[in-house]
Amino acid sequence: MIENEMFEEIMKLFPDFNYQNEFYDEYRSYPTVDGLLHLAYSQLCESAGMMIMDYGAGYRSAINPEIGDEFRNLEKQEDEIFGEFIKFFDFYYKYRSYSERFKNSNFEEYSGQSL
């Protein structure tokens, strides 16, 4: 069943969440393609949001964020943030074809409909 595969992939893509929490019981018990696309989008928003906050704090506290070790650390954080988005987009473009609602939509249409 494609929905089970999708849920497993979400858990691998966004491992920082406690999937044993009862919030995820519905996704485990009655998964839908559209629901799982929305879950992945929600996980992206939360994980990338936290990373962006950490990045902002690091940038503001850096003595010289444009050179040296501070620059390299900030660049690494930027790569991790962009990596979160890339993971989601790869997931979305792989699985949207299983959705009657989203299979013909681009991402802007998807994000407007899913919110």
PDB file of N, CA and C in Angstrom:
ATOM      1  N   MET A   1       0.844  -1.176   0.000  1.00  0.00           N
ATOM      2  CA  MET A   1       0.000   0.000   0.000  1.00  0.00           C
ATOM      3  C   MET A   1       0.896   1.248   0.000  1.00  0.00           C
ATOM      4  N   ILE A   2       0.661   2.134  -0.965  1.00  0.00           N
ATOM      5  CA  ILE A   2       1.531   3.288  -1.150  1.00  0.00           C
ATOM      6  C   ILE A   2       1.545   4.198   0.074  1.00  0.00           C
ATOM      7  N   GLU A   3       0.423   4.306   0.783  1.00  0.00           N
ATOM      8  CA  GLU A   3       0.357   5.178   1.950  1.00  0.00           C
ATOM      9  C   GLU A   3       1.317   4.730   3.054  1.00  0.00           C
ATOM     10  N   ASN A   4       1.433   3.434   3.245  1.00  0.00           N
ATOM     11  CA  ASN A   4       2.376   2.926   4.255  1.00  0.00           C
ATOM     12  C   ASN A   4       3.812   3.255   3.861  1.00  0.00           C
ATOM     13  N   GLU A   5       4.104   3.120   2.580  1.00  0.00           N
ATOM     14  CA  GLU A   5       5.441   3.471   2.080  1.00  0.00           C
ATOM     15  C   GLU A   5       5.721   4.956   2.308  1.00  0.00           C
ATOM     16  N   MET A   6       4.725   5.787   2.057  1.00  0.00           N
ATOM     17  CA  MET A   6       4.883   7.224   2.245  1.00  0.00           C
ATOM     18  C   MET A   6       5.161   7.560   3.709  1.00  0.00           C
ATOM     19  N   PHE A   7       4.404   6.941   4.625  1.00  0.00           N
ATOM     20  CA  PHE A   7       4.594   7.232   6.045  1.00  0.00           C
ATOM     21  C   PHE A   7       5.989   6.812   6.492  1.00  0.00           C
ATOM     22  N   GLU A   8       6.445   5.657   6.030  1.00  0.00           N
ATOM     23  CA  GLU A   8       7.804   5.203   6.365  1.00  0.00           C
ATOM     24  C   GLU A   8       8.845   6.201   5.850  1.00  0.00           C
ATOM     25  N   GLU A   9       8.626   6.691   4.653  1.00  0.00           N
ATOM     26  CA  GLU A   9       9.587   7.642   4.088  1.00  0.00           C
ATOM     27  C   GLU A   9       9.587   8.966   4.852  1.00  0.00           C
ATOM     28  N   ILE A  10       8.416   9.429   5.285  1.00  0.00           N
ATOM     29  CA  ILE A  10       8.349  10.654   6.089  1.00  0.00           C
ATOM     30  C   ILE A  10       9.150  10.477   7.369  1.00  0.00           C
ATOM     31  N   MET A  11       9.009   9.320   8.006  1.00  0.00           N
ATOM     32  CA  MET A  11       9.753   9.077   9.247  1.00  0.00           C
ATOM     33  C   MET A  11      11.256   9.095   9.002  1.00  0.00           C
ATOM     34  N   LYS A  12      11.690   8.617   7.828  1.00  0.00           N
ATOM     35  CA  LYS A  12      13.121   8.643   7.503  1.00  0.00           C
ATOM     36  C   LYS A  12      13.592  10.052   7.149  1.00  0.00           C
ATOM     37  N   LEU A  13      12.761  10.800   6.407  1.00  0.00           N
ATOM     38  CA  LEU A  13      13.146  12.141   5.975  1.00  0.00           C
ATOM     39  C   LEU A  13      13.201  13.137   7.131  1.00  0.00           C
ATOM     40  N   PHE A  14      12.286  12.989   8.076  1.00  0.00           N
ATOM     41  CA  PHE A  14      12.185  13.929   9.186  1.00  0.00           C
ATOM     42  C   PHE A  14      12.268  13.160  10.505  1.00  0.00           C
ATOM     43  N   PRO A  15      13.458  12.690  10.862  1.00  0.00           N
ATOM     44  CA  PRO A  15      13.616  11.800  12.015  1.00  0.00           C
ATOM     45  C   PRO A  15      13.540  12.486  13.379  1.00  0.00           C
ATOM     46  N   ASP A  16      13.486  13.797  13.414  1.00  0.00           N
ATOM     47  CA  ASP A  16      13.511  14.501  14.696  1.00  0.00           C
ATOM     48  C   ASP A  16      12.159  14.535  15.406  1.00  0.00           C
ATOM     49  N   PHE A  17      11.160  13.899  14.841  1.00  0.00           N
ATOM     50  CA  PHE A  17       9.827  13.902  15.432  1.00  0.00           C
ATOM     51  C   PHE A  17       9.566  12.573  16.125  1.00  0.00           C
ATOM     52  N   ASN A  18       8.771  12.605  17.182  1.00  0.00           N
ATOM     53  CA  ASN A  18       8.411  11.392  17.919  1.00  0.00           C
ATOM     54  C   ASN A  18       7.160  10.786  17.281  1.00  0.00           C
ATOM     55  N   TYR A  19       7.367   9.837  16.391  1.00  0.00           N
ATOM     56  CA  TYR A  19       6.257   9.244  15.658  1.00  0.00           C
ATOM     57  C   TYR A  19       5.456   8.255  16.506  1.00  0.00           C
ATOM     58  N   GLN A  20       5.867   8.030  17.725  1.00  0.00           N
ATOM     59  CA  GLN A  20       5.091   7.202  18.645  1.00  0.00           C
ATOM     60  C   GLN A  20       4.012   8.029  19.339  1.00  0.00           C
ATOM     61  N   ASN A  21       4.091   9.339  19.215  1.00  0.00           N
ATOM     62  CA  ASN A  21       3.106  10.249  19.791  1.00  0.00           C
ATOM     63  C   ASN A  21       1.730   9.930  19.196  1.00  0.00           C
ATOM     64  N   GLU A  22       0.684  10.030  19.992  1.00  0.00           N
ATOM     65  CA  GLU A  22      -0.647   9.652  19.508  1.00  0.00           C
ATOM     66  C   GLU A  22      -1.146  10.552  18.387  1.00  0.00           C
ATOM     67  N   PHE A  23      -0.550  11.730  18.224  1.00  0.00           N
ATOM     68  CA  PHE A  23      -0.896  12.592  17.103  1.00  0.00           C
ATOM     69  C   PHE A  23      -0.765  11.852  15.774  1.00  0.00           C
ATOM     70  N   TYR A  24       0.210  10.958  15.686  1.00  0.00           N
ATOM     71  CA  TYR A  24       0.486  10.246  14.429  1.00  0.00           C
ATOM     72  C   TYR A  24      -0.343   8.970  14.270  1.00  0.00           C
ATOM     73  N   ASP A  25      -1.140   8.615  15.265  1.00  0.00           N
ATOM     74  CA  ASP A  25      -1.938   7.386  15.189  1.00  0.00           C
ATOM     75  C   ASP A  25      -2.861   7.373  13.981  1.00  0.00           C
ATOM     76  N   GLU A  26      -3.485   8.494  13.681  1.00  0.00           N
ATOM     77  CA  GLU A  26      -4.390   8.555  12.535  1.00  0.00           C
ATOM     78  C   GLU A  26      -3.633   8.315  11.231  1.00  0.00           C
ATOM     79  N   TYR A  27      -2.442   8.882  11.120  1.00  0.00           N
ATOM     80  CA  TYR A  27      -1.643   8.688   9.910  1.00  0.00           C
ATOM     81  C   TYR A  27      -1.196   7.235   9.782  1.00  0.00           C
ATOM     82  N   ARG A  28      -0.947   6.591  10.910  1.00  0.00           N
ATOM     83  CA  ARG A  28      -0.556   5.184  10.896  1.00  0.00           C
ATOM     84  C   ARG A  28      -1.748   4.279  10.607  1.00  0.00           C
ATOM     85  N   SER A  29      -2.889   4.569  11.216  1.00  0.00           N
ATOM     86  CA  SER A  29      -4.057   3.700  11.124  1.00  0.00           C
ATOM     87  C   SER A  29      -4.862   3.899   9.846  1.00  0.00           C
ATOM     88  N   TYR A  30      -5.049   5.143   9.438  1.00  0.00           N
ATOM     89  CA  TYR A  30      -5.883   5.458   8.276  1.00  0.00           C
ATOM     90  C   TYR A  30      -5.167   6.427   7.355  1.00  0.00           C
ATOM     91  N   PRO A  31      -4.044   6.018   6.793  1.00  0.00           N
ATOM     92  CA  PRO A  31      -3.270   6.950   5.963  1.00  0.00           C
ATOM     93  C   PRO A  31      -3.951   7.230   4.629  1.00  0.00           C
ATOM     94  N   THR A  32      -3.848   8.474   4.189  1.00  0.00           N
ATOM     95  CA  THR A  32      -4.284   8.849   2.838  1.00  0.00           C
ATOM     96  C   THR A  32      -3.121   9.571   2.171  1.00  0.00           C
ATOM     97  N   VAL A  33      -3.076   9.503   0.872  1.00  0.00           N
ATOM     98  CA  VAL A  33      -2.002  10.164   0.135  1.00  0.00           C
ATOM     99  C   VAL A  33      -2.015  11.664   0.416  1.00  0.00           C
ATOM    100  N   ASP A  34      -3.200  12.288   0.306  1.00  0.00           N
ATOM    101  CA  ASP A  34      -3.275  13.731   0.529  1.00  0.00           C
ATOM    102  C   ASP A  34      -2.905  14.095   1.963  1.00  0.00           C
ATOM    103  N   GLY A  35      -3.357  13.305   2.919  1.00  0.00           N
ATOM    104  CA  GLY A  35      -3.022  13.553   4.315  1.00  0.00           C
ATOM    105  C   GLY A  35      -1.531  13.442   4.572  1.00  0.00           C
ATOM    106  N   LEU A  36      -0.893  12.488   3.935  1.00  0.00           N
ATOM    107  CA  LEU A  36       0.546  12.300   4.123  1.00  0.00           C
ATOM    108  C   LEU A  36       1.356  13.380   3.408  1.00  0.00           C
ATOM    109  N   LEU A  37       0.868  13.861   2.268  1.00  0.00           N
ATOM    110  CA  LEU A  37       1.526  15.007   1.637  1.00  0.00           C
ATOM    111  C   LEU A  37       1.460  16.212   2.568  1.00  0.00           C
ATOM    112  N   HIS A  38       0.306  16.401   3.197  1.00  0.00           N
ATOM    113  CA  HIS A  38       0.166  17.505   4.143  1.00  0.00           C
ATOM    114  C   HIS A  38       1.058  17.299   5.369  1.00  0.00           C
ATOM    115  N   LEU A  39       1.131  16.071   5.871  1.00  0.00           N
ATOM    116  CA  LEU A  39       2.003  15.785   7.011  1.00  0.00           C
ATOM    117  C   LEU A  39       3.452  16.106   6.675  1.00  0.00           C
ATOM    118  N   ALA A  40       3.920  15.682   5.509  1.00  0.00           N
ATOM    119  CA  ALA A  40       5.308  15.963   5.113  1.00  0.00           C
ATOM    120  C   ALA A  40       5.541  17.470   5.030  1.00  0.00           C
ATOM    121  N   TYR A  41       4.572  18.195   4.498  1.00  0.00           N
ATOM    122  CA  TYR A  41       4.686  19.650   4.409  1.00  0.00           C
ATOM    123  C   TYR A  41       4.746  20.268   5.809  1.00  0.00           C
ATOM    124  N   SER A  42       3.937  19.759   6.713  1.00  0.00           N
ATOM    125  CA  SER A  42       3.942  20.248   8.103  1.00  0.00           C
ATOM    126  C   SER A  42       5.275  19.961   8.782  1.00  0.00           C
ATOM    127  N   GLN A  43       5.807  18.755   8.551  1.00  0.00           N
ATOM    128  CA  GLN A  43       7.095  18.398   9.149  1.00  0.00           C
ATOM    129  C   GLN A  43       8.188  19.321   8.610  1.00  0.00           C
ATOM    130  N   LEU A  44       8.144  19.585   7.312  1.00  0.00           N
ATOM    131  CA  LEU A  44       9.111  20.505   6.706  1.00  0.00           C
ATOM    132  C   LEU A  44       9.021  21.872   7.362  1.00  0.00           C
ATOM    133  N   CYS A  45       7.809  22.403   7.484  1.00  0.00           N
ATOM    134  CA  CYS A  45       7.638  23.743   8.048  1.00  0.00           C
ATOM    135  C   CYS A  45       8.203  23.815   9.458  1.00  0.00           C
ATOM    136  N   GLU A  46       7.915  22.815  10.258  1.00  0.00           N
ATOM    137  CA  GLU A  46       8.390  22.845  11.638  1.00  0.00           C
ATOM    138  C   GLU A  46       9.905  22.669  11.717  1.00  0.00           C
ATOM    139  N   SER A  47      10.437  21.684  11.002  1.00  0.00           N
ATOM    140  CA  SER A  47      11.878  21.433  11.106  1.00  0.00           C
ATOM    141  C   SER A  47      12.690  22.575  10.499  1.00  0.00           C
ATOM    142  N   ALA A  48      12.290  23.059   9.332  1.00  0.00           N
ATOM    143  CA  ALA A  48      13.027  24.164   8.706  1.00  0.00           C
ATOM    144  C   ALA A  48      12.870  25.441   9.524  1.00  0.00           C
ATOM    145  N   GLY A  49      11.701  25.652  10.095  1.00  0.00           N
ATOM    146  CA  GLY A  49      11.489  26.839  10.933  1.00  0.00           C
ATOM    147  C   GLY A  49      12.432  26.872  12.117  1.00  0.00           C
ATOM    148  N   MET A  50      12.585  25.730  12.769  1.00  0.00           N
ATOM    149  CA  MET A  50      13.509  25.663  13.907  1.00  0.00           C
ATOM    150  C   MET A  50      14.951  25.888  13.452  1.00  0.00           C
ATOM    151  N   MET A  51      15.307  25.311  12.308  1.00  0.00           N
ATOM    152  CA  MET A  51      16.662  25.489  11.789  1.00  0.00           C
ATOM    153  C   MET A  51      16.932  26.956  11.437  1.00  0.00           C
ATOM    154  N   ILE A  52      15.933  27.625  10.874  1.00  0.00           N
ATOM    155  CA  ILE A  52      16.094  29.033  10.504  1.00  0.00           C
ATOM    156  C   ILE A  52      16.259  29.893  11.751  1.00  0.00           C
ATOM    157  N   MET A  53      15.505  29.577  12.796  1.00  0.00           N
ATOM    158  CA  MET A  53      15.665  30.320  14.055  1.00  0.00           C
ATOM    159  C   MET A  53      17.071  30.136  14.621  1.00  0.00           C
ATOM    160  N   ASP A  54      17.573  28.893  14.598  1.00  0.00           N
ATOM    161  CA  ASP A  54      18.934  28.635  15.075  1.00  0.00           C
ATOM    162  C   ASP A  54      19.962  29.379  14.227  1.00  0.00           C
ATOM    163  N   TYR A  55      19.738  29.370  12.911  1.00  0.00           N
ATOM    164  CA  TYR A  55      20.646  30.076  12.008  1.00  0.00           C
ATOM    165  C   TYR A  55      20.659  31.567  12.334  1.00  0.00           C
ATOM    166  N   GLY A  56      19.471  32.150  12.504  1.00  0.00           N
ATOM    167  CA  GLY A  56      19.377  33.573  12.805  1.00  0.00           C
ATOM    168  C   GLY A  56      20.093  33.931  14.097  1.00  0.00           C
ATOM    169  N   ALA A  57      19.915  33.098  15.110  1.00  0.00           N
ATOM    170  CA  ALA A  57      20.589  33.348  16.384  1.00  0.00           C
ATOM    171  C   ALA A  57      22.103  33.259  16.219  1.00  0.00           C
ATOM    172  N   GLY A  58      22.563  32.265  15.457  1.00  0.00           N
ATOM    173  CA  GLY A  58      23.997  32.116  15.208  1.00  0.00           C
ATOM    174  C   GLY A  58      24.565  33.280  14.424  1.00  0.00           C
ATOM    175  N   TYR A  59      23.809  33.756  13.437  1.00  0.00           N
ATOM    176  CA  TYR A  59      24.269  34.873  12.624  1.00  0.00           C
ATOM    177  C   TYR A  59      24.360  36.147  13.464  1.00  0.00           C
ATOM    178  N   ARG A  60      23.333  36.396  14.256  1.00  0.00           N
ATOM    179  CA  ARG A  60      23.325  37.615  15.076  1.00  0.00           C
ATOM    180  C   ARG A  60      24.406  37.600  16.155  1.00  0.00           C
ATOM    181  N   SER A  61      24.736  36.430  16.649  1.00  0.00           N
ATOM    182  CA  SER A  61      25.735  36.372  17.718  1.00  0.00           C
ATOM    183  C   SER A  61      27.166  36.262  17.192  1.00  0.00           C
ATOM    184  N   ALA A  62      27.320  36.054  15.896  1.00  0.00           N
ATOM    185  CA  ALA A  62      28.663  35.922  15.322  1.00  0.00           C
ATOM    186  C   ALA A  62      29.380  37.270  15.331  1.00  0.00           C
ATOM    187  N   ILE A  63      30.652  37.226  15.644  1.00  0.00           N
ATOM    188  CA  ILE A  63      31.469  38.446  15.634  1.00  0.00           C
ATOM    189  C   ILE A  63      31.707  38.887  14.194  1.00  0.00           C
ATOM    190  N   ASN A  64      32.063  37.933  13.337  1.00  0.00           N
ATOM    191  CA  ASN A  64      32.254  38.229  11.924  1.00  0.00           C
ATOM    192  C   ASN A  64      31.704  37.059  11.107  1.00  0.00           C
ATOM    193  N   PRO A  65      30.428  37.134  10.739  1.00  0.00           N
ATOM    194  CA  PRO A  65      29.797  36.003  10.049  1.00  0.00           C
ATOM    195  C   PRO A  65      30.215  35.821   8.591  1.00  0.00           C
ATOM    196  N   GLU A  66      31.054  36.712   8.086  1.00  0.00           N
ATOM    197  CA  GLU A  66      31.421  36.666   6.670  1.00  0.00           C
ATOM    198  C   GLU A  66      32.744  35.963   6.394  1.00  0.00           C
ATOM    199  N   ILE A  67      33.503  35.601   7.442  1.00  0.00           N
ATOM    200  CA  ILE A  67      34.791  34.942   7.221  1.00  0.00           C
ATOM    201  C   ILE A  67      35.049  33.918   8.323  1.00  0.00           C
ATOM    202  N   GLY A  68      35.983  33.039   8.072  1.00  0.00           N
ATOM    203  CA  GLY A  68      36.486  32.118   9.089  1.00  0.00           C
ATOM    204  C   GLY A  68      35.527  31.011   9.485  1.00  0.00           C
ATOM    205  N   ASP A  69      35.754  30.500  10.683  1.00  0.00           N
ATOM    206  CA  ASP A  69      34.968  29.369  11.188  1.00  0.00           C
ATOM    207  C   ASP A  69      33.494  29.706  11.333  1.00  0.00           C
ATOM    208  N   GLU A  70      33.201  30.913  11.765  1.00  0.00           N
ATOM    209  CA  GLU A  70      31.788  31.301  11.899  1.00  0.00           C
ATOM    210  C   GLU A  70      31.085  31.246  10.543  1.00  0.00           C
ATOM    211  N   PHE A  71      31.757  31.726   9.516  1.00  0.00           N
ATOM    212  CA  PHE A  71      31.209  31.678   8.169  1.00  0.00           C
ATOM    213  C   PHE A  71      30.965  30.232   7.738  1.00  0.00           C
ATOM    214  N   ARG A  72      31.944  29.358   7.965  1.00  0.00           N
ATOM    215  CA  ARG A  72      31.807  27.957   7.569  1.00  0.00           C
ATOM    216  C   ARG A  72      30.669  27.272   8.334  1.00  0.00           C
ATOM    217  N   ASN A  73      30.523  27.579   9.609  1.00  0.00           N
ATOM    218  CA  ASN A  73      29.432  26.998  10.393  1.00  0.00           C
ATOM    219  C   ASN A  73      28.073  27.476   9.893  1.00  0.00           C
ATOM    220  N   LEU A  74      27.985  28.769   9.566  1.00  0.00           N
ATOM    221  CA  LEU A  74      26.729  29.297   9.035  1.00  0.00           C
ATOM    222  C   LEU A  74      26.416  28.704   7.664  1.00  0.00           C
ATOM    223  N   GLU A  75      27.429  28.537   6.836  1.00  0.00           N
ATOM    224  CA  GLU A  75      27.226  27.907   5.530  1.00  0.00           C
ATOM    225  C   GLU A  75      26.709  26.473   5.690  1.00  0.00           C
ATOM    226  N   LYS A  76      27.246  25.758   6.644  1.00  0.00           N
ATOM    227  CA  LYS A  76      26.797  24.394   6.909  1.00  0.00           C
ATOM    228  C   LYS A  76      25.332  24.394   7.340  1.00  0.00           C
ATOM    229  N   GLN A  77      24.960  25.334   8.190  1.00  0.00           N
ATOM    230  CA  GLN A  77      23.567  25.437   8.614  1.00  0.00           C
ATOM    231  C   GLN A  77      22.658  25.766   7.432  1.00  0.00           C
ATOM    232  N   GLU A  78      23.101  26.651   6.542  1.00  0.00           N
ATOM    233  CA  GLU A  78      22.315  26.973   5.345  1.00  0.00           C
ATOM    234  C   GLU A  78      22.092  25.727   4.506  1.00  0.00           C
ATOM    235  N   ASP A  79      23.144  24.931   4.323  1.00  0.00           N
ATOM    236  CA  ASP A  79      23.019  23.701   3.546  1.00  0.00           C
ATOM    237  C   ASP A  79      22.011  22.750   4.178  1.00  0.00           C
ATOM    238  N   GLU A  80      21.999  22.661   5.505  1.00  0.00           N
ATOM    239  CA  GLU A  80      21.044  21.792   6.188  1.00  0.00           C
ATOM    240  C   GLU A  80      19.614  22.286   6.000  1.00  0.00           C
ATOM    241  N   ILE A  81      19.424  23.604   6.044  1.00  0.00           N
ATOM    242  CA  ILE A  81      18.089  24.169   5.831  1.00  0.00           C
ATOM    243  C   ILE A  81      17.618  23.864   4.418  1.00  0.00           C
ATOM    244  N   PHE A  82      18.459  24.139   3.423  1.00  0.00           N
ATOM    245  CA  PHE A  82      18.073  23.858   2.045  1.00  0.00           C
ATOM    246  C   PHE A  82      17.848  22.364   1.841  1.00  0.00           C
ATOM    247  N   GLY A  83      18.610  21.548   2.546  1.00  0.00           N
ATOM    248  CA  GLY A  83      18.436  20.099   2.461  1.00  0.00           C
ATOM    249  C   GLY A  83      17.052  19.659   2.907  1.00  0.00           C
ATOM    250  N   GLU A  84      16.492  20.329   3.931  1.00  0.00           N
ATOM    251  CA  GLU A  84      15.136  20.008   4.383  1.00  0.00           C
ATOM    252  C   GLU A  84      14.134  20.260   3.261  1.00  0.00           C
ATOM    253  N   PHE A  85      14.297  21.381   2.563  1.00  0.00           N
ATOM    254  CA  PHE A  85      13.384  21.697   1.468  1.00  0.00           C
ATOM    255  C   PHE A  85      13.541  20.709   0.321  1.00  0.00           C
ATOM    256  N   ILE A  86      14.766  20.356   0.007  1.00  0.00           N
ATOM    257  CA  ILE A  86      15.007  19.404  -1.078  1.00  0.00           C
ATOM    258  C   ILE A  86      14.381  18.052  -0.759  1.00  0.00           C
ATOM    259  N   LYS A  87      14.510  17.598   0.488  1.00  0.00           N
ATOM    260  CA  LYS A  87      13.891  16.324   0.879  1.00  0.00           C
ATOM    261  C   LYS A  87      12.387  16.378   0.658  1.00  0.00           C
ATOM    262  N   PHE A  88      11.758  17.479   1.078  1.00  0.00           N
ATOM    263  CA  PHE A  88      10.310  17.576   0.890  1.00  0.00           C
ATOM    264  C   PHE A  88       9.938  17.601  -0.586  1.00  0.00           C
ATOM    265  N   PHE A  89      10.622  18.434  -1.387  1.00  0.00           N
ATOM    266  CA  PHE A  89      10.263  18.527  -2.801  1.00  0.00           C
ATOM    267  C   PHE A  89      10.438  17.193  -3.515  1.00  0.00           C
ATOM    268  N   ASP A  90      11.494  16.462  -3.195  1.00  0.00           N
ATOM    269  CA  ASP A  90      11.667  15.128  -3.777  1.00  0.00           C
ATOM    270  C   ASP A  90      10.496  14.230  -3.396  1.00  0.00           C
ATOM    271  N   PHE A  91      10.098  14.270  -2.137  1.00  0.00           N
ATOM    272  CA  PHE A  91       8.962  13.478  -1.647  1.00  0.00           C
ATOM    273  C   PHE A  91       7.681  13.900  -2.364  1.00  0.00           C
ATOM    274  N   TYR A  92       7.437  15.186  -2.424  1.00  0.00           N
ATOM    275  CA  TYR A  92       6.209  15.700  -3.052  1.00  0.00           C
ATOM    276  C   TYR A  92       6.119  15.283  -4.516  1.00  0.00           C
ATOM    277  N   TYR A  93       7.185  15.495  -5.276  1.00  0.00           N
ATOM    278  CA  TYR A  93       7.127  15.185  -6.706  1.00  0.00           C
ATOM    279  C   TYR A  93       7.065  13.684  -6.960  1.00  0.00           C
ATOM    280  N   LYS A  94       7.554  12.872  -6.042  1.00  0.00           N
ATOM    281  CA  LYS A  94       7.454  11.419  -6.194  1.00  0.00           C
ATOM    282  C   LYS A  94       6.028  10.940  -5.943  1.00  0.00           C
ATOM    283  N   TYR A  95       5.375  11.472  -4.922  1.00  0.00           N
ATOM    284  CA  TYR A  95       4.093  10.922  -4.496  1.00  0.00           C
ATOM    285  C   TYR A  95       2.860  11.688  -4.948  1.00  0.00           C
ATOM    286  N   ARG A  96       3.001  12.884  -5.481  1.00  0.00           N
ATOM    287  CA  ARG A  96       1.794  13.622  -5.863  1.00  0.00           C
ATOM    288  C   ARG A  96       1.021  12.913  -6.976  1.00  0.00           C
ATOM    289  N   SER A  97       1.692  12.094  -7.762  1.00  0.00           N
ATOM    290  CA  SER A  97       1.002  11.382  -8.847  1.00  0.00           C
ATOM    291  C   SER A  97      -0.045  10.402  -8.321  1.00  0.00           C
ATOM    292  N   TYR A  98       0.030  10.065  -7.025  1.00  0.00           N
ATOM    293  CA  TYR A  98      -0.960   9.162  -6.445  1.00  0.00           C
ATOM    294  C   TYR A  98      -2.181   9.910  -5.914  1.00  0.00           C
ATOM    295  N   SER A  99      -2.153  11.219  -5.980  1.00  0.00           N
ATOM    296  CA  SER A  99      -3.225  12.041  -5.438  1.00  0.00           C
ATOM    297  C   SER A  99      -4.129  12.544  -6.551  1.00  0.00           C
ATOM    298  N   GLU A 100      -5.413  12.243  -6.456  1.00  0.00           N
ATOM    299  CA  GLU A 100      -6.369  12.788  -7.426  1.00  0.00           C
ATOM    300  C   GLU A 100      -6.406  14.313  -7.325  1.00  0.00           C
ATOM    301  N   ARG A 101      -6.228  14.824  -6.128  1.00  0.00           N
ATOM    302  CA  ARG A 101      -6.334  16.262  -5.900  1.00  0.00           C
ATOM    303  C   ARG A 101      -5.105  17.025  -6.388  1.00  0.00           C
ATOM    304  N   PHE A 102      -3.916  16.460  -6.214  1.00  0.00           N
ATOM    305  CA  PHE A 102      -2.693  17.219  -6.463  1.00  0.00           C
ATOM    306  C   PHE A 102      -1.860  16.741  -7.650  1.00  0.00           C
ATOM    307  N   LYS A 103      -2.250  15.676  -8.327  1.00  0.00           N
ATOM    308  CA  LYS A 103      -1.350  15.112  -9.338  1.00  0.00           C
ATOM    309  C   LYS A 103      -1.044  16.054 -10.490  1.00  0.00           C
ATOM    310  N   ASN A 104      -1.938  16.978 -10.783  1.00  0.00           N
ATOM    311  CA  ASN A 104      -1.687  17.907 -11.884  1.00  0.00           C
ATOM    312  C   ASN A 104      -1.324  19.305 -11.410  1.00  0.00           C
ATOM    313  N   SER A 105      -1.123  19.480 -10.113  1.00  0.00           N
ATOM    314  CA  SER A 105      -0.828  20.828  -9.606  1.00  0.00           C
ATOM    315  C   SER A 105       0.667  21.048  -9.451  1.00  0.00           C
ATOM    316  N   ASN A 106       1.058  22.297  -9.594  1.00  0.00           N
ATOM    317  CA  ASN A 106       2.438  22.638  -9.283  1.00  0.00           C
ATOM    318  C   ASN A 106       2.519  22.920  -7.785  1.00  0.00           C
ATOM    319  N   PHE A 107       3.706  23.216  -7.284  1.00  0.00           N
ATOM    320  CA  PHE A 107       3.844  23.371  -5.840  1.00  0.00           C
ATOM    321  C   PHE A 107       3.086  24.580  -5.309  1.00  0.00           C
ATOM    322  N   GLU A 108       3.069  25.683  -6.046  1.00  0.00           N
ATOM    323  CA  GLU A 108       2.347  26.867  -5.581  1.00  0.00           C
ATOM    324  C   GLU A 108       0.863  26.559  -5.417  1.00  0.00           C
ATOM    325  N   GLU A 109       0.294  25.821  -6.365  1.00  0.00           N
ATOM    326  CA  GLU A 109      -1.110  25.416  -6.253  1.00  0.00           C
ATOM    327  C   GLU A 109      -1.304  24.476  -5.073  1.00  0.00           C
ATOM    328  N   TYR A 110      -0.382  23.543  -4.913  1.00  0.00           N
ATOM    329  CA  TYR A 110      -0.462  22.602  -3.801  1.00  0.00           C
ATOM    330  C   TYR A 110      -0.433  23.338  -2.463  1.00  0.00           C
ATOM    331  N   SER A 111       0.526  24.220  -2.287  1.00  0.00           N
ATOM    332  CA  SER A 111       0.658  24.886  -0.992  1.00  0.00           C
ATOM    333  C   SER A 111      -0.513  25.809  -0.722  1.00  0.00           C
ATOM    334  N   GLY A 112      -1.106  26.371  -1.745  1.00  0.00           N
ATOM    335  CA  GLY A 112      -2.287  27.202  -1.562  1.00  0.00           C
ATOM    336  C   GLY A 112      -3.500  26.376  -1.174  1.00  0.00           C
ATOM    337  N   GLN A 113      -3.612  25.153  -1.696  1.00  0.00           N
ATOM    338  CA  GLN A 113      -4.758  24.294  -1.426  1.00  0.00           C
ATOM    339  C   GLN A 113      -4.628  23.591  -0.095  1.00  0.00           C
ATOM    340  N   SER A 114      -3.397  23.270   0.300  1.00  0.00           N
ATOM    341  CA  SER A 114      -3.230  22.406   1.461  1.00  0.00           C
ATOM    342  C   SER A 114      -3.249  23.156   2.784  1.00  0.00           C
ATOM    343  N   LEU A 115      -3.165  24.465   2.732  1.00  0.00           N
ATOM    344  CA  LEU A 115      -3.099  25.219   3.989  1.00  0.00           C
ATOM    345  C   LEU A 115      -4.449  25.510   4.562  1.00  0.00           C
TER     346      LEU A 115
END
